Amino acid sequence: MNYYESHIHQLPVELLQHIFSLIVNDISDCPSIFKSINHRISGNFSSPPLVFTRVCRHWRIIAQSTPGLWSRIQVMLSGGDESLQPFLPCLLQYWLACSGGQPLTLRI
């Protein structure tokens, strides 16, 4: 082990997976993958589980390999927003790939 390695990286993977699951399951509603600001819709990378993929490479690998984090999703669409058309399928495919064989709860 590297002396300079961050303490968070010394935690067992199983413990981080459990912490991530607790955070995701603490959200009463399904995680929303889109947010609307000033009538523009973008990916909501500030909410779990997407936020875990942005902290560091280690967390991204752990989050992507924990299918239970990706078993619920909420998609809010505003009518006729063509700017989302190429983005939506990519983000949904990513989410589905991370969910593995887990049953998926989808709210639209």
N, C-alpha and C. Protein backbone atom coordinates (compact mmCIF):
# COMPACT_ATOMS: atom_id res chain seq x y z
N MET A 1 0.85 -1.18 0.00
CA MET A 1 0.00 0.00 0.00
C MET A 1 0.89 1.24 0.00
N ASN A 2 0.52 2.21 -0.79
CA ASN A 2 1.25 3.46 -0.89
C ASN A 2 1.00 4.30 0.37
N TYR A 3 2.07 4.83 0.95
CA TYR A 3 1.97 5.62 2.17
C TYR A 3 1.08 6.84 1.97
N TYR A 4 1.08 7.39 0.76
CA TYR A 4 0.35 8.62 0.48
C TYR A 4 -1.08 8.36 0.00
N GLU A 5 -1.49 7.11 -0.03
CA GLU A 5 -2.83 6.79 -0.49
C GLU A 5 -3.87 7.38 0.46
N SER A 6 -4.92 7.94 -0.12
CA SER A 6 -6.00 8.55 0.66
C SER A 6 -6.67 7.50 1.54
N HIS A 7 -7.13 7.92 2.70
CA HIS A 7 -7.78 7.00 3.63
C HIS A 7 -9.06 6.41 3.04
N ILE A 8 -9.78 7.18 2.24
CA ILE A 8 -11.02 6.68 1.64
C ILE A 8 -10.75 5.50 0.72
N HIS A 9 -9.58 5.47 0.09
CA HIS A 9 -9.23 4.38 -0.81
C HIS A 9 -8.77 3.13 -0.05
N GLN A 10 -8.58 3.26 1.25
CA GLN A 10 -8.19 2.12 2.05
C GLN A 10 -9.40 1.33 2.56
N LEU A 11 -10.60 1.91 2.39
CA LEU A 11 -11.81 1.20 2.82
C LEU A 11 -12.05 0.01 1.90
N PRO A 12 -12.56 -1.08 2.44
CA PRO A 12 -12.89 -2.23 1.60
C PRO A 12 -13.98 -1.87 0.60
N VAL A 13 -13.89 -2.43 -0.58
CA VAL A 13 -14.85 -2.16 -1.65
C VAL A 13 -16.27 -2.44 -1.17
N GLU A 14 -16.45 -3.54 -0.45
CA GLU A 14 -17.78 -3.93 0.04
C GLU A 14 -18.37 -2.85 0.95
N LEU A 15 -17.54 -2.19 1.74
CA LEU A 15 -18.02 -1.14 2.63
C LEU A 15 -18.47 0.07 1.82
N LEU A 16 -17.68 0.47 0.83
CA LEU A 16 -18.08 1.59 -0.02
C LEU A 16 -19.37 1.26 -0.78
N GLN A 17 -19.50 0.04 -1.28
CA GLN A 17 -20.73 -0.36 -1.96
C GLN A 17 -21.92 -0.25 -1.01
N HIS A 18 -21.74 -0.66 0.22
CA HIS A 18 -22.82 -0.57 1.20
C HIS A 18 -23.18 0.89 1.49
N ILE A 19 -22.18 1.74 1.65
CA ILE A 19 -22.42 3.17 1.89
C ILE A 19 -23.16 3.78 0.70
N PHE A 20 -22.71 3.47 -0.52
CA PHE A 20 -23.38 3.98 -1.72
C PHE A 20 -24.84 3.53 -1.74
N SER A 21 -25.09 2.27 -1.41
CA SER A 21 -26.45 1.74 -1.41
C SER A 21 -27.31 2.44 -0.37
N LEU A 22 -26.76 2.69 0.80
CA LEU A 22 -27.51 3.41 1.82
C LEU A 22 -27.90 4.81 1.35
N ILE A 23 -26.99 5.48 0.69
CA ILE A 23 -27.27 6.83 0.19
C ILE A 23 -28.35 6.79 -0.88
N VAL A 24 -28.23 5.90 -1.84
CA VAL A 24 -29.21 5.80 -2.93
C VAL A 24 -30.58 5.41 -2.37
N ASN A 25 -30.62 4.45 -1.45
CA ASN A 25 -31.90 4.00 -0.90
C ASN A 25 -32.51 4.98 0.09
N ASP A 26 -31.74 5.97 0.56
CA ASP A 26 -32.26 6.99 1.45
C ASP A 26 -33.11 8.01 0.70
N ILE A 27 -32.94 8.05 -0.62
CA ILE A 27 -33.74 8.95 -1.45
C ILE A 27 -35.12 8.34 -1.56
N SER A 28 -36.15 9.09 -1.15
CA SER A 28 -37.49 8.53 -1.13
C SER A 28 -38.04 8.28 -2.53
N ASP A 29 -37.62 9.06 -3.49
CA ASP A 29 -38.09 8.90 -4.86
C ASP A 29 -36.99 8.29 -5.70
N CYS A 30 -37.29 7.94 -6.91
CA CYS A 30 -36.28 7.42 -7.83
C CYS A 30 -35.29 8.53 -8.16
N PRO A 31 -34.02 8.20 -8.31
CA PRO A 31 -33.04 9.22 -8.72
C PRO A 31 -33.41 9.77 -10.09
N SER A 32 -33.33 11.08 -10.23
CA SER A 32 -33.65 11.72 -11.50
C SER A 32 -32.36 11.90 -12.30
N ILE A 33 -32.39 11.48 -13.56
CA ILE A 33 -31.17 11.59 -14.37
C ILE A 33 -31.10 12.90 -15.14
N PHE A 34 -32.18 13.69 -15.09
CA PHE A 34 -32.16 14.98 -15.77
C PHE A 34 -32.57 16.07 -14.81
N LYS A 35 -32.07 17.28 -15.05
CA LYS A 35 -32.49 18.46 -14.29
C LYS A 35 -32.78 19.57 -15.28
N SER A 36 -33.67 20.45 -14.88
CA SER A 36 -34.05 21.55 -15.73
C SER A 36 -33.65 22.86 -15.07
N ILE A 37 -32.85 23.64 -15.76
CA ILE A 37 -32.42 24.96 -15.28
C ILE A 37 -32.65 25.95 -16.41
N ASN A 38 -33.42 26.99 -16.12
CA ASN A 38 -33.72 28.01 -17.13
C ASN A 38 -34.25 27.40 -18.42
N HIS A 39 -35.18 26.47 -18.29
CA HIS A 39 -35.83 25.81 -19.43
C HIS A 39 -34.85 25.00 -20.28
N ARG A 40 -33.69 24.67 -19.75
CA ARG A 40 -32.74 23.80 -20.43
C ARG A 40 -32.58 22.54 -19.62
N ILE A 41 -32.62 21.41 -20.27
CA ILE A 41 -32.49 20.14 -19.58
C ILE A 41 -31.09 19.60 -19.80
N SER A 42 -30.50 19.11 -18.70
CA SER A 42 -29.17 18.51 -18.80
C SER A 42 -29.12 17.28 -17.90
N GLY A 43 -28.05 16.53 -18.00
CA GLY A 43 -27.87 15.37 -17.13
C GLY A 43 -27.71 15.83 -15.69
N ASN A 44 -28.32 15.11 -14.77
CA ASN A 44 -28.24 15.45 -13.35
C ASN A 44 -27.13 14.63 -12.70
N PHE A 45 -25.90 15.08 -12.89
CA PHE A 45 -24.75 14.36 -12.36
C PHE A 45 -24.45 14.73 -10.92
N SER A 46 -25.33 15.52 -10.30
CA SER A 46 -25.11 15.90 -8.91
C SER A 46 -25.90 15.03 -7.94
N SER A 47 -26.68 14.08 -8.46
CA SER A 47 -27.44 13.20 -7.57
C SER A 47 -26.91 11.77 -7.69
N PRO A 48 -27.06 11.02 -6.60
CA PRO A 48 -26.62 9.62 -6.65
C PRO A 48 -27.50 8.83 -7.61
N PRO A 49 -26.98 7.85 -8.23
CA PRO A 49 -25.62 7.31 -8.17
C PRO A 49 -24.65 7.97 -9.14
N LEU A 50 -25.16 8.86 -10.01
CA LEU A 50 -24.25 9.48 -10.99
C LEU A 50 -23.13 10.27 -10.32
N VAL A 51 -23.40 10.90 -9.20
CA VAL A 51 -22.37 11.69 -8.52
C VAL A 51 -21.19 10.82 -8.09
N PHE A 52 -21.44 9.55 -7.75
CA PHE A 52 -20.35 8.67 -7.35
C PHE A 52 -19.37 8.44 -8.49
N THR A 53 -19.84 8.49 -9.71
CA THR A 53 -18.97 8.24 -10.87
C THR A 53 -18.07 9.42 -11.18
N ARG A 54 -18.31 10.55 -10.53
CA ARG A 54 -17.54 11.76 -10.82
C ARG A 54 -16.52 12.12 -9.75
N VAL A 55 -16.50 11.38 -8.65
CA VAL A 55 -15.59 11.72 -7.55
C VAL A 55 -14.15 11.36 -7.92
N CYS A 56 -13.95 10.11 -8.31
CA CYS A 56 -12.62 9.66 -8.70
C CYS A 56 -12.77 8.34 -9.45
N ARG A 57 -11.71 7.90 -10.06
CA ARG A 57 -11.73 6.66 -10.84
C ARG A 57 -12.12 5.45 -9.98
N HIS A 58 -11.59 5.41 -8.77
CA HIS A 58 -11.88 4.32 -7.84
C HIS A 58 -13.39 4.23 -7.54
N TRP A 59 -13.99 5.38 -7.22
CA TRP A 59 -15.43 5.40 -6.93
C TRP A 59 -16.25 5.06 -8.16
N ARG A 60 -15.83 5.53 -9.33
CA ARG A 60 -16.56 5.25 -10.57
C ARG A 60 -16.60 3.74 -10.82
N ILE A 61 -15.47 3.08 -10.65
CA ILE A 61 -15.40 1.63 -10.86
C ILE A 61 -16.31 0.91 -9.87
N ILE A 62 -16.28 1.33 -8.62
CA ILE A 62 -17.12 0.69 -7.61
C ILE A 62 -18.60 0.93 -7.90
N ALA A 63 -18.97 2.16 -8.21
CA ALA A 63 -20.38 2.47 -8.49
C ALA A 63 -20.87 1.70 -9.71
N GLN A 64 -20.07 1.67 -10.77
CA GLN A 64 -20.48 0.98 -11.99
C GLN A 64 -20.59 -0.53 -11.79
N SER A 65 -19.90 -1.06 -10.82
CA SER A 65 -19.93 -2.50 -10.58
C SER A 65 -20.89 -2.89 -9.45
N THR A 66 -21.77 -1.97 -9.07
CA THR A 66 -22.76 -2.22 -8.03
C THR A 66 -24.15 -2.06 -8.65
N PRO A 67 -24.69 -3.11 -9.26
CA PRO A 67 -25.95 -3.00 -10.00
C PRO A 67 -27.12 -2.48 -9.19
N GLY A 68 -27.16 -2.75 -7.89
CA GLY A 68 -28.27 -2.30 -7.07
C GLY A 68 -28.42 -0.79 -7.02
N LEU A 69 -27.35 -0.06 -7.28
CA LEU A 69 -27.42 1.41 -7.28
C LEU A 69 -28.22 1.93 -8.46
N TRP A 70 -28.33 1.12 -9.50
CA TRP A 70 -28.90 1.55 -10.77
C TRP A 70 -30.27 0.92 -11.04
N SER A 71 -30.95 0.44 -10.00
CA SER A 71 -32.20 -0.28 -10.20
C SER A 71 -33.43 0.62 -10.24
N ARG A 72 -33.27 1.90 -9.95
CA ARG A 72 -34.39 2.85 -10.01
C ARG A 72 -33.96 4.06 -10.80
N ILE A 73 -34.88 4.60 -11.59
CA ILE A 73 -34.55 5.78 -12.39
C ILE A 73 -35.82 6.59 -12.64
N GLN A 74 -35.67 7.91 -12.63
CA GLN A 74 -36.77 8.80 -12.96
C GLN A 74 -36.32 9.66 -14.13
N VAL A 75 -37.16 9.71 -15.15
CA VAL A 75 -36.85 10.51 -16.34
C VAL A 75 -37.95 11.55 -16.48
N MET A 76 -37.59 12.82 -16.39
CA MET A 76 -38.53 13.91 -16.60
C MET A 76 -38.21 14.55 -17.94
N LEU A 77 -39.19 14.57 -18.80
CA LEU A 77 -38.99 15.15 -20.12
C LEU A 77 -39.93 16.32 -20.31
N SER A 78 -39.41 17.39 -20.89
CA SER A 78 -40.28 18.49 -21.27
C SER A 78 -40.62 18.27 -22.74
N GLY A 79 -41.81 18.55 -23.10
CA GLY A 79 -42.26 18.27 -24.46
C GLY A 79 -41.43 18.95 -25.53
N GLY A 80 -41.02 18.17 -26.51
CA GLY A 80 -40.38 18.70 -27.71
C GLY A 80 -38.97 19.21 -27.56
N ASP A 81 -38.23 18.81 -26.57
CA ASP A 81 -36.85 19.26 -26.42
C ASP A 81 -35.92 18.38 -27.25
N GLU A 82 -35.63 18.83 -28.47
CA GLU A 82 -34.80 18.05 -29.38
C GLU A 82 -33.34 17.96 -28.93
N SER A 83 -32.91 18.88 -28.07
CA SER A 83 -31.51 18.86 -27.64
C SER A 83 -31.19 17.60 -26.84
N LEU A 84 -32.21 16.96 -26.27
CA LEU A 84 -31.99 15.74 -25.49
C LEU A 84 -31.94 14.49 -26.35
N GLN A 85 -32.42 14.56 -27.57
CA GLN A 85 -32.58 13.35 -28.36
C GLN A 85 -31.30 12.53 -28.48
N PRO A 86 -30.14 13.08 -28.79
CA PRO A 86 -28.96 12.21 -28.86
C PRO A 86 -28.43 11.82 -27.47
N PHE A 87 -28.70 12.65 -26.47
CA PHE A 87 -28.16 12.44 -25.13
C PHE A 87 -28.96 11.40 -24.36
N LEU A 88 -30.28 11.45 -24.48
CA LEU A 88 -31.15 10.56 -23.71
C LEU A 88 -30.84 9.09 -23.92
N PRO A 89 -30.77 8.60 -25.15
CA PRO A 89 -30.49 7.17 -25.32
C PRO A 89 -29.13 6.76 -24.74
N CYS A 90 -28.12 7.61 -24.88
CA CYS A 90 -26.80 7.27 -24.35
C CYS A 90 -26.82 7.15 -22.84
N LEU A 91 -27.46 8.09 -22.17
CA LEU A 91 -27.51 8.05 -20.70
C LEU A 91 -28.37 6.88 -20.23
N LEU A 92 -29.47 6.62 -20.90
CA LEU A 92 -30.31 5.47 -20.54
C LEU A 92 -29.57 4.15 -20.77
N GLN A 93 -28.83 4.04 -21.87
CA GLN A 93 -28.06 2.83 -22.13
C GLN A 93 -26.99 2.62 -21.06
N TYR A 94 -26.34 3.69 -20.66
CA TYR A 94 -25.34 3.63 -19.60
C TYR A 94 -25.98 3.12 -18.32
N TRP A 95 -27.13 3.71 -17.96
CA TRP A 95 -27.84 3.33 -16.74
C TRP A 95 -28.22 1.86 -16.78
N LEU A 96 -28.77 1.42 -17.91
CA LEU A 96 -29.17 0.02 -18.05
C LEU A 96 -27.98 -0.92 -17.97
N ALA A 97 -26.87 -0.53 -18.57
CA ALA A 97 -25.66 -1.36 -18.52
C ALA A 97 -25.18 -1.51 -17.08
N CYS A 98 -25.22 -0.43 -16.32
CA CYS A 98 -24.78 -0.49 -14.92
C CYS A 98 -25.75 -1.29 -14.05
N SER A 99 -27.03 -1.32 -14.43
CA SER A 99 -28.02 -2.03 -13.61
C SER A 99 -27.92 -3.54 -13.77
N GLY A 100 -27.19 -4.00 -14.77
CA GLY A 100 -26.99 -5.44 -14.96
C GLY A 100 -28.31 -6.15 -15.10
N GLY A 101 -28.48 -7.22 -14.36
CA GLY A 101 -29.71 -8.01 -14.42
C GLY A 101 -30.73 -7.61 -13.38
N GLN A 102 -30.51 -6.48 -12.68
CA GLN A 102 -31.45 -6.06 -11.65
C GLN A 102 -32.78 -5.65 -12.26
N PRO A 103 -33.89 -5.95 -11.57
CA PRO A 103 -35.19 -5.41 -12.02
C PRO A 103 -35.11 -3.89 -11.96
N LEU A 104 -35.69 -3.22 -12.93
CA LEU A 104 -35.56 -1.77 -13.06
C LEU A 104 -36.91 -1.09 -12.79
N THR A 105 -36.92 -0.12 -11.89
CA THR A 105 -38.08 0.71 -11.66
C THR A 105 -37.89 2.00 -12.43
N LEU A 106 -38.78 2.28 -13.37
CA LEU A 106 -38.67 3.45 -14.24
C LEU A 106 -39.87 4.34 -14.02
N ARG A 107 -39.62 5.60 -13.68
CA ARG A 107 -40.69 6.60 -13.54
C ARG A 107 -40.48 7.66 -14.60
N ILE A 108 -41.54 7.92 -15.36
CA ILE A 108 -41.45 8.95 -16.42
C ILE A 108 -42.46 10.04 -16.12
